[in-house]
Amino acid sequence: MSVSFAPEAAYIFMLVLVRIAAMLMVMPAIGESSIPGRIRLALALVLTLILYPGVAPAIQPPASLGAMVVATGFEIGIGIFIGGVARLLLSAAQVAGAIIAYQMGLAFAQNVDPTQGVQSAMLASFLSVVAVTVIFALDLHHLLIGALGDSFILFPPGGSLPTGQFAALAIDVVARSFSVATQLSAPFLVFGVVFYVGLGILSRLMPQVQIFFVAMPANIFFGLIVMMLTMSAIGFWFADHFAGSLDPMLR
């Protein structure tokens, strides 16, 4: 190793680190504000050391300072896009939880969602935490790391940002996430229709019964039973959605 090799190796290492750090700052679970910055930085350094030998031959040293700045911005954009796609995929669980909460009459129960950093319905926060748990329990975060490694081949450093492809993929991910959110909450949508139709028939047959006094606890009770019966299916359905949506970013 010559002395002239050191600046080139440092530049390549910095580019790899910038892309990985940008992804870790945006992706769900690891990129939350509750995770200390030192832990995220240490994880970024470890992943950089792992991926560096495989991606270094494909990275060319810069010709000027301007090229270095442009290449750094390119790496930040790629990392933010990969982490943002993962966060968009996680939003399917949050939207499904919000729909379920409205159907069960628990939309007024609000708390802070630790995965999104915003206030949302309690069931939406619960399903978001369940989705993160499923991702790590089934080792689906390895797909994110694989997508990050393959991104150096799909989007070599020093090129131009494929904004058209990014926009098309982002639109597809958002549409698929809303579709999956509706599918995850489909049993509760059917339950809501059947339940309120039954209440309407009961109010006609027995006008003296205080329907709304009975409806709220019964709605929550039967809704929790439906959730208990469908939780495993919701988890595996979300896992299939998460894994399938990352396929375009893998070789």
C-alpha atoms as a PDB file:
ATOM      1  CA  MET A   1       0.000   0.000   0.000  1.00  0.00           C
ATOM      2  CA  SER A   2       1.520   3.312  -1.067  1.00  0.00           C
ATOM      3  CA  VAL A   3       1.009   6.696   0.547  1.00  0.00           C
ATOM      4  CA  SER A   4      -0.890   7.911  -2.513  1.00  0.00           C
ATOM      5  CA  PHE A   5      -3.428   5.132  -2.002  1.00  0.00           C
ATOM      6  CA  ALA A   6      -4.588   6.469   1.372  1.00  0.00           C
ATOM      7  CA  PRO A   7      -6.585   9.528   0.126  1.00  0.00           C
ATOM      8  CA  GLU A   8      -8.350   7.397  -2.494  1.00  0.00           C
ATOM      9  CA  ALA A   9      -9.304   4.749   0.081  1.00  0.00           C
ATOM     10  CA  ALA A  10     -10.531   7.418   2.497  1.00  0.00           C
ATOM     11  CA  TYR A  11     -12.695   8.993  -0.208  1.00  0.00           C
ATOM     12  CA  ILE A  12     -14.270   5.669  -1.187  1.00  0.00           C
ATOM     13  CA  PHE A  13     -14.854   4.780   2.468  1.00  0.00           C
ATOM     14  CA  MET A  14     -16.515   8.163   3.016  1.00  0.00           C
ATOM     15  CA  LEU A  15     -18.876   7.688   0.069  1.00  0.00           C
ATOM     16  CA  VAL A  16     -19.964   4.258   1.294  1.00  0.00           C
ATOM     17  CA  LEU A  17     -20.401   5.603   4.823  1.00  0.00           C
ATOM     18  CA  VAL A  18     -22.492   8.562   3.628  1.00  0.00           C
ATOM     19  CA  ARG A  19     -24.972   6.329   1.783  1.00  0.00           C
ATOM     20  CA  ILE A  20     -25.316   3.882   4.671  1.00  0.00           C
ATOM     21  CA  ALA A  21     -25.623   6.620   7.306  1.00  0.00           C
ATOM     22  CA  ALA A  22     -28.297   8.431   5.257  1.00  0.00           C
ATOM     23  CA  MET A  23     -30.346   5.237   5.051  1.00  0.00           C
ATOM     24  CA  LEU A  24     -30.018   4.478   8.764  1.00  0.00           C
ATOM     25  CA  MET A  25     -31.140   7.990   9.686  1.00  0.00           C
ATOM     26  CA  VAL A  26     -34.408   7.571   7.755  1.00  0.00           C
ATOM     27  CA  MET A  27     -35.322   3.894   7.955  1.00  0.00           C
ATOM     28  CA  PRO A  28     -37.879   2.784  10.590  1.00  0.00           C
ATOM     29  CA  ALA A  29     -36.902   1.404  14.010  1.00  0.00           C
ATOM     30  CA  ILE A  30     -33.184   2.225  13.749  1.00  0.00           C
ATOM     31  CA  GLY A  31     -33.730   5.767  12.488  1.00  0.00           C
ATOM     32  CA  GLU A  32     -36.017   6.903  15.297  1.00  0.00           C
ATOM     33  CA  SER A  33     -35.039   9.831  17.499  1.00  0.00           C
ATOM     34  CA  SER A  34     -35.206   7.530  20.538  1.00  0.00           C
ATOM     35  CA  ILE A  35     -32.148   5.619  19.232  1.00  0.00           C
ATOM     36  CA  PRO A  36     -28.946   7.438  20.278  1.00  0.00           C
ATOM     37  CA  GLY A  37     -26.981   8.935  17.431  1.00  0.00           C
ATOM     38  CA  ARG A  38     -23.801   7.177  18.538  1.00  0.00           C
ATOM     39  CA  ILE A  39     -25.442   3.779  18.141  1.00  0.00           C
ATOM     40  CA  ARG A  40     -26.629   4.614  14.626  1.00  0.00           C
ATOM     41  CA  LEU A  41     -23.200   5.962  13.723  1.00  0.00           C
ATOM     42  CA  ALA A  42     -21.490   2.855  15.107  1.00  0.00           C
ATOM     43  CA  LEU A  43     -23.854   0.622  13.103  1.00  0.00           C
ATOM     44  CA  ALA A  44     -23.157   2.679   9.977  1.00  0.00           C
ATOM     45  CA  LEU A  45     -19.396   2.261  10.492  1.00  0.00           C
ATOM     46  CA  VAL A  46     -19.750  -1.506  10.963  1.00  0.00           C
ATOM     47  CA  LEU A  47     -21.859  -1.884   7.810  1.00  0.00           C
ATOM     48  CA  THR A  48     -19.385   0.275   5.901  1.00  0.00           C
ATOM     49  CA  LEU A  49     -16.484  -1.947   6.939  1.00  0.00           C
ATOM     50  CA  ILE A  50     -18.479  -5.005   5.810  1.00  0.00           C
ATOM     51  CA  LEU A  51     -19.557  -3.610   2.429  1.00  0.00           C
ATOM     52  CA  TYR A  52     -16.378  -1.685   1.582  1.00  0.00           C
ATOM     53  CA  PRO A  53     -14.326  -4.586   0.111  1.00  0.00           C
ATOM     54  CA  GLY A  54     -17.150  -5.541  -2.251  1.00  0.00           C
ATOM     55  CA  VAL A  55     -18.083  -2.084  -3.533  1.00  0.00           C
ATOM     56  CA  ALA A  56     -14.706  -0.305  -3.525  1.00  0.00           C
ATOM     57  CA  PRO A  57     -13.555  -1.598  -6.977  1.00  0.00           C
ATOM     58  CA  ALA A  58     -16.632  -0.030  -8.640  1.00  0.00           C
ATOM     59  CA  ILE A  59     -15.981   3.477  -7.247  1.00  0.00           C
ATOM     60  CA  GLN A  60     -13.632   5.799  -9.128  1.00  0.00           C
ATOM     61  CA  PRO A  61     -11.720   8.622  -7.397  1.00  0.00           C
ATOM     62  CA  PRO A  62     -13.007  12.164  -8.085  1.00  0.00           C
ATOM     63  CA  ALA A  63     -11.478  14.406 -10.725  1.00  0.00           C
ATOM     64  CA  SER A  64     -12.129  17.642  -8.832  1.00  0.00           C
ATOM     65  CA  LEU A  65     -13.616  19.077  -5.654  1.00  0.00           C
ATOM     66  CA  GLY A  66     -16.911  19.758  -7.428  1.00  0.00           C
ATOM     67  CA  ALA A  67     -17.162  16.134  -8.505  1.00  0.00           C
ATOM     68  CA  MET A  68     -16.593  15.087  -4.890  1.00  0.00           C
ATOM     69  CA  VAL A  69     -19.431  17.323  -3.676  1.00  0.00           C
ATOM     70  CA  VAL A  70     -21.775  16.036  -6.389  1.00  0.00           C
ATOM     71  CA  ALA A  71     -20.892  12.416  -5.609  1.00  0.00           C
ATOM     72  CA  THR A  72     -21.555  13.005  -1.893  1.00  0.00           C
ATOM     73  CA  GLY A  73     -24.982  14.472  -2.654  1.00  0.00           C
ATOM     74  CA  PHE A  74     -25.714  11.490  -4.900  1.00  0.00           C
ATOM     75  CA  GLU A  75     -24.900   9.068  -2.065  1.00  0.00           C
ATOM     76  CA  ILE A  76     -27.098  10.978   0.392  1.00  0.00           C
ATOM     77  CA  GLY A  77     -30.009  10.895  -2.067  1.00  0.00           C
ATOM     78  CA  ILE A  78     -29.706   7.143  -2.666  1.00  0.00           C
ATOM     79  CA  GLY A  79     -29.515   6.398   1.079  1.00  0.00           C
ATOM     80  CA  ILE A  80     -32.497   8.603   1.919  1.00  0.00           C
ATOM     81  CA  PHE A  81     -34.531   6.988  -0.852  1.00  0.00           C
ATOM     82  CA  ILE A  82     -33.886   3.425   0.355  1.00  0.00           C
ATOM     83  CA  GLY A  83     -34.679   4.328   3.969  1.00  0.00           C
ATOM     84  CA  GLY A  84     -37.731   6.333   2.879  1.00  0.00           C
ATOM     85  CA  VAL A  85     -39.117   3.369   0.928  1.00  0.00           C
ATOM     86  CA  ALA A  86     -38.817   1.207   4.055  1.00  0.00           C
ATOM     87  CA  ARG A  87     -40.666   3.852   6.072  1.00  0.00           C
ATOM     88  CA  LEU A  88     -43.403   4.059   3.445  1.00  0.00           C
ATOM     89  CA  LEU A  89     -43.810   0.281   3.625  1.00  0.00           C
ATOM     90  CA  LEU A  90     -44.242   0.521   7.388  1.00  0.00           C
ATOM     91  CA  SER A  91     -47.018   3.085   6.931  1.00  0.00           C
ATOM     92  CA  ALA A  92     -49.285   0.270   5.701  1.00  0.00           C
ATOM     93  CA  ALA A  93     -49.502  -1.061   9.252  1.00  0.00           C
ATOM     94  CA  GLN A  94     -50.220   2.393  10.662  1.00  0.00           C
ATOM     95  CA  VAL A  95     -53.004   3.106   8.150  1.00  0.00           C
ATOM     96  CA  ALA A  96     -54.513  -0.338   8.790  1.00  0.00           C
ATOM     97  CA  GLY A  97     -54.443   0.340  12.538  1.00  0.00           C
ATOM     98  CA  ALA A  98     -56.194   3.675  12.043  1.00  0.00           C
ATOM     99  CA  ILE A  99     -58.957   2.040   9.980  1.00  0.00           C
ATOM    100  CA  ILE A 100     -59.369  -0.703  12.579  1.00  0.00           C
ATOM    101  CA  ALA A 101     -59.534   1.880  15.364  1.00  0.00           C
ATOM    102  CA  TYR A 102     -62.310   3.767  13.569  1.00  0.00           C
ATOM    103  CA  GLN A 103     -64.269   0.554  13.044  1.00  0.00           C
ATOM    104  CA  MET A 104     -63.931  -0.425  16.716  1.00  0.00           C
ATOM    105  CA  GLY A 105     -64.775   3.026  18.057  1.00  0.00           C
ATOM    106  CA  LEU A 106     -61.290   3.520  19.540  1.00  0.00           C
ATOM    107  CA  ALA A 107     -60.150   6.331  17.261  1.00  0.00           C
ATOM    108  CA  PHE A 108     -60.419   8.801  20.138  1.00  0.00           C
ATOM    109  CA  ALA A 109     -57.720   6.908  22.084  1.00  0.00           C
ATOM    110  CA  GLN A 110     -54.596   8.733  20.901  1.00  0.00           C
ATOM    111  CA  ASN A 111     -50.947   8.328  21.852  1.00  0.00           C
ATOM    112  CA  VAL A 112     -47.513   8.985  20.344  1.00  0.00           C
ATOM    113  CA  ASP A 113     -46.461   6.430  17.739  1.00  0.00           C
ATOM    114  CA  PRO A 114     -42.810   5.558  18.507  1.00  0.00           C
ATOM    115  CA  THR A 115     -42.150   4.387  14.944  1.00  0.00           C
ATOM    116  CA  GLN A 116     -43.539   7.485  13.212  1.00  0.00           C
ATOM    117  CA  GLY A 117     -42.938  10.164  15.833  1.00  0.00           C
ATOM    118  CA  VAL A 118     -46.481  11.556  15.521  1.00  0.00           C
ATOM    119  CA  GLN A 119     -49.685  11.231  17.501  1.00  0.00           C
ATOM    120  CA  SER A 120     -52.012   8.563  16.167  1.00  0.00           C
ATOM    121  CA  ALA A 121     -54.686   6.116  17.256  1.00  0.00           C
ATOM    122  CA  MET A 122     -53.575   3.609  19.859  1.00  0.00           C
ATOM    123  CA  LEU A 123     -54.257   0.628  17.596  1.00  0.00           C
ATOM    124  CA  ALA A 124     -52.263   2.291  14.797  1.00  0.00           C
ATOM    125  CA  SER A 125     -49.295   2.645  17.151  1.00  0.00           C
ATOM    126  CA  PHE A 126     -49.743  -0.955  18.272  1.00  0.00           C
ATOM    127  CA  LEU A 127     -49.721  -2.323  14.724  1.00  0.00           C
ATOM    128  CA  SER A 128     -46.700  -0.163  13.852  1.00  0.00           C
ATOM    129  CA  VAL A 129     -44.750  -1.682  16.744  1.00  0.00           C
ATOM    130  CA  VAL A 130     -45.954  -5.162  15.730  1.00  0.00           C
ATOM    131  CA  ALA A 131     -44.776  -4.513  12.149  1.00  0.00           C
ATOM    132  CA  VAL A 132     -41.295  -3.510  13.348  1.00  0.00           C
ATOM    133  CA  THR A 133     -41.180  -6.594  15.566  1.00  0.00           C
ATOM    134  CA  VAL A 134     -42.156  -8.817  12.625  1.00  0.00           C
ATOM    135  CA  ILE A 135     -39.428  -7.248  10.465  1.00  0.00           C
ATOM    136  CA  PHE A 136     -36.702  -8.041  12.969  1.00  0.00           C
ATOM    137  CA  ALA A 137     -38.161 -11.400  14.077  1.00  0.00           C
ATOM    138  CA  LEU A 138     -38.257 -12.705  10.489  1.00  0.00           C
ATOM    139  CA  ASP A 139     -34.864 -11.151   9.616  1.00  0.00           C
ATOM    140  CA  LEU A 140     -36.451  -8.962   6.951  1.00  0.00           C
ATOM    141  CA  HIS A 141     -34.030  -6.180   7.877  1.00  0.00           C
ATOM    142  CA  HIS A 142     -31.427  -8.305   6.072  1.00  0.00           C
ATOM    143  CA  LEU A 143     -33.284  -7.439   2.864  1.00  0.00           C
ATOM    144  CA  LEU A 144     -32.716  -3.761   3.581  1.00  0.00           C
ATOM    145  CA  ILE A 145     -29.012  -4.374   4.055  1.00  0.00           C
ATOM    146  CA  GLY A 146     -28.985  -6.447   0.855  1.00  0.00           C
ATOM    147  CA  ALA A 147     -30.788  -3.670  -1.014  1.00  0.00           C
ATOM    148  CA  LEU A 148     -28.228  -1.217   0.301  1.00  0.00           C
ATOM    149  CA  GLY A 149     -25.362  -3.405  -0.925  1.00  0.00           C
ATOM    150  CA  ASP A 150     -26.978  -3.986  -4.325  1.00  0.00           C
ATOM    151  CA  SER A 151     -27.641  -0.259  -4.693  1.00  0.00           C
ATOM    152  CA  PHE A 152     -23.919   0.271  -5.320  1.00  0.00           C
ATOM    153  CA  ILE A 153     -24.329  -1.918  -8.413  1.00  0.00           C
ATOM    154  CA  LEU A 154     -27.747  -0.665  -9.505  1.00  0.00           C
ATOM    155  CA  PHE A 155     -26.784   2.977  -8.858  1.00  0.00           C
ATOM    156  CA  PRO A 156     -22.985   3.264  -9.123  1.00  0.00           C
ATOM    157  CA  PRO A 157     -21.468   6.247  -7.283  1.00  0.00           C
ATOM    158  CA  GLY A 158     -20.655   9.254  -9.407  1.00  0.00           C
ATOM    159  CA  GLY A 159     -23.685   8.933 -11.663  1.00  0.00           C
ATOM    160  CA  SER A 160     -26.862  10.978 -11.840  1.00  0.00           C
ATOM    161  CA  LEU A 161     -29.918  10.420  -9.682  1.00  0.00           C
ATOM    162  CA  PRO A 162     -32.584   8.408 -11.571  1.00  0.00           C
ATOM    163  CA  THR A 163     -35.398  10.694 -10.415  1.00  0.00           C
ATOM    164  CA  GLY A 164     -37.876   9.210 -12.879  1.00  0.00           C
ATOM    165  CA  GLN A 165     -37.354   5.678 -11.602  1.00  0.00           C
ATOM    166  CA  PHE A 166     -37.428   6.910  -8.009  1.00  0.00           C
ATOM    167  CA  ALA A 167     -40.728   8.711  -8.562  1.00  0.00           C
ATOM    168  CA  ALA A 168     -42.306   5.683 -10.251  1.00  0.00           C
ATOM    169  CA  LEU A 169     -41.136   3.344  -7.483  1.00  0.00           C
ATOM    170  CA  ALA A 170     -42.316   5.732  -4.751  1.00  0.00           C
ATOM    171  CA  ILE A 171     -45.778   6.005  -6.330  1.00  0.00           C
ATOM    172  CA  ASP A 172     -45.972   2.224  -6.633  1.00  0.00           C
ATOM    173  CA  VAL A 173     -44.917   1.725  -3.003  1.00  0.00           C
ATOM    174  CA  VAL A 174     -47.469   4.267  -1.717  1.00  0.00           C
ATOM    175  CA  ALA A 175     -50.275   2.719  -3.779  1.00  0.00           C
ATOM    176  CA  ARG A 176     -49.325  -0.789  -2.686  1.00  0.00           C
ATOM    177  CA  SER A 177     -49.108   0.272   0.963  1.00  0.00           C
ATOM    178  CA  PHE A 178     -52.634   1.714   0.924  1.00  0.00           C
ATOM    179  CA  SER A 179     -53.888  -1.409  -0.847  1.00  0.00           C
ATOM    180  CA  VAL A 180     -52.265  -3.668   1.754  1.00  0.00           C
ATOM    181  CA  ALA A 181     -53.604  -1.475   4.574  1.00  0.00           C
ATOM    182  CA  THR A 182     -57.136  -1.976   3.231  1.00  0.00           C
ATOM    183  CA  GLN A 183     -56.558  -5.727   2.948  1.00  0.00           C
ATOM    184  CA  LEU A 184     -55.216  -5.928   6.508  1.00  0.00           C
ATOM    185  CA  SER A 185     -58.270  -4.123   7.848  1.00  0.00           C
ATOM    186  CA  ALA A 186     -60.766  -5.935   5.567  1.00  0.00           C
ATOM    187  CA  PRO A 187     -62.087  -8.287   8.326  1.00  0.00           C
ATOM    188  CA  PHE A 188     -62.846  -5.267  10.489  1.00  0.00           C
ATOM    189  CA  LEU A 189     -64.567  -3.446   7.627  1.00  0.00           C
ATOM    190  CA  VAL A 190     -66.827  -6.475   7.132  1.00  0.00           C
ATOM    191  CA  PHE A 191     -67.351  -6.717  10.889  1.00  0.00           C
ATOM    192  CA  GLY A 192     -68.320  -3.033  11.048  1.00  0.00           C
ATOM    193  CA  VAL A 193     -70.888  -3.359   8.263  1.00  0.00           C
ATOM    194  CA  VAL A 194     -72.452  -6.493   9.769  1.00  0.00           C
ATOM    195  CA  PHE A 195     -72.416  -5.054  13.290  1.00  0.00           C
ATOM    196  CA  TYR A 196     -74.094  -1.760  12.438  1.00  0.00           C
ATOM    197  CA  VAL A 197     -76.636  -3.408  10.144  1.00  0.00           C
ATOM    198  CA  GLY A 198     -77.506  -5.698  13.054  1.00  0.00           C
ATOM    199  CA  LEU A 199     -77.861  -2.689  15.353  1.00  0.00           C
ATOM    200  CA  GLY A 200     -80.199  -1.027  12.858  1.00  0.00           C
ATOM    201  CA  ILE A 201     -82.383  -4.138  12.702  1.00  0.00           C
ATOM    202  CA  LEU A 202     -82.371  -4.412  16.513  1.00  0.00           C
ATOM    203  CA  SER A 203     -83.410  -0.775  16.894  1.00  0.00           C
ATOM    204  CA  ARG A 204     -86.393  -1.429  14.610  1.00  0.00           C
ATOM    205  CA  LEU A 205     -87.408  -4.612  16.388  1.00  0.00           C
ATOM    206  CA  MET A 206     -86.897  -3.257  19.940  1.00  0.00           C
ATOM    207  CA  PRO A 207     -87.210   0.544  19.923  1.00  0.00           C
ATOM    208  CA  GLN A 208     -87.146   0.676  23.733  1.00  0.00           C
ATOM    209  CA  VAL A 209     -83.535  -0.600  23.869  1.00  0.00           C
ATOM    210  CA  GLN A 210     -80.859   2.067  24.206  1.00  0.00           C
ATOM    211  CA  ILE A 211     -78.859   1.026  21.140  1.00  0.00           C
ATOM    212  CA  PHE A 212     -75.883   3.362  21.569  1.00  0.00           C
ATOM    213  CA  PHE A 213     -75.558   2.386  25.234  1.00  0.00           C
ATOM    214  CA  VAL A 214     -75.112  -1.239  24.151  1.00  0.00           C
ATOM    215  CA  ALA A 215     -73.275  -0.615  20.876  1.00  0.00           C
ATOM    216  CA  MET A 216     -70.015   0.879  22.182  1.00  0.00           C
ATOM    217  CA  PRO A 217     -68.921  -1.887  24.594  1.00  0.00           C
ATOM    218  CA  ALA A 218     -70.169  -4.607  22.234  1.00  0.00           C
ATOM    219  CA  ASN A 219     -68.279  -3.056  19.323  1.00  0.00           C
ATOM    220  CA  ILE A 220     -65.027  -2.951  21.292  1.00  0.00           C
ATOM    221  CA  PHE A 221     -65.520  -6.464  22.695  1.00  0.00           C
ATOM    222  CA  PHE A 222     -66.247  -8.176  19.378  1.00  0.00           C
ATOM    223  CA  GLY A 223     -63.611  -6.068  17.617  1.00  0.00           C
ATOM    224  CA  LEU A 224     -60.945  -7.310  20.047  1.00  0.00           C
ATOM    225  CA  ILE A 225     -62.076 -10.881  19.400  1.00  0.00           C
ATOM    226  CA  VAL A 226     -61.704 -10.355  15.642  1.00  0.00           C
ATOM    227  CA  MET A 227     -58.241  -8.857  16.208  1.00  0.00           C
ATOM    228  CA  MET A 228     -57.231 -11.835  18.344  1.00  0.00           C
ATOM    229  CA  LEU A 229     -58.286 -14.214  15.557  1.00  0.00           C
ATOM    230  CA  THR A 230     -56.606 -12.278  12.741  1.00  0.00           C
ATOM    231  CA  MET A 231     -53.365 -10.977  14.331  1.00  0.00           C
ATOM    232  CA  SER A 232     -51.187 -13.794  12.997  1.00  0.00           C
ATOM    233  CA  ALA A 233     -52.583 -13.380   9.480  1.00  0.00           C
ATOM    234  CA  ILE A 234     -52.017  -9.607   9.666  1.00  0.00           C
ATOM    235  CA  GLY A 235     -48.381 -10.119  10.681  1.00  0.00           C
ATOM    236  CA  PHE A 236     -47.573 -12.592   7.909  1.00  0.00           C
ATOM    237  CA  TRP A 237     -49.488 -10.578   5.298  1.00  0.00           C
ATOM    238  CA  PHE A 238     -47.461  -7.500   6.199  1.00  0.00           C
ATOM    239  CA  ALA A 239     -44.233  -9.526   6.062  1.00  0.00           C
ATOM    240  CA  ASP A 240     -45.062 -10.667   2.510  1.00  0.00           C
ATOM    241  CA  HIS A 241     -45.835  -7.072   1.544  1.00  0.00           C
ATOM    242  CA  PHE A 242     -42.548  -5.807   3.001  1.00  0.00           C
ATOM    243  CA  ALA A 243     -40.430  -8.501   1.377  1.00  0.00           C
ATOM    244  CA  GLY A 244     -42.150  -8.259  -2.010  1.00  0.00           C
ATOM    245  CA  SER A 245     -41.868  -4.467  -2.182  1.00  0.00           C
ATOM    246  CA  LEU A 246     -38.088  -4.611  -1.727  1.00  0.00           C
ATOM    247  CA  ASP A 247     -37.586  -6.912  -4.734  1.00  0.00           C
ATOM    248  CA  PRO A 248     -37.125  -4.040  -7.238  1.00  0.00           C
ATOM    249  CA  MET A 249     -34.148  -2.805  -5.212  1.00  0.00           C
ATOM    250  CA  LEU A 250     -32.432  -6.214  -5.191  1.00  0.00           C
ATOM    251  CA  ARG A 251     -30.423  -7.654  -8.047  1.00  0.00           C
END
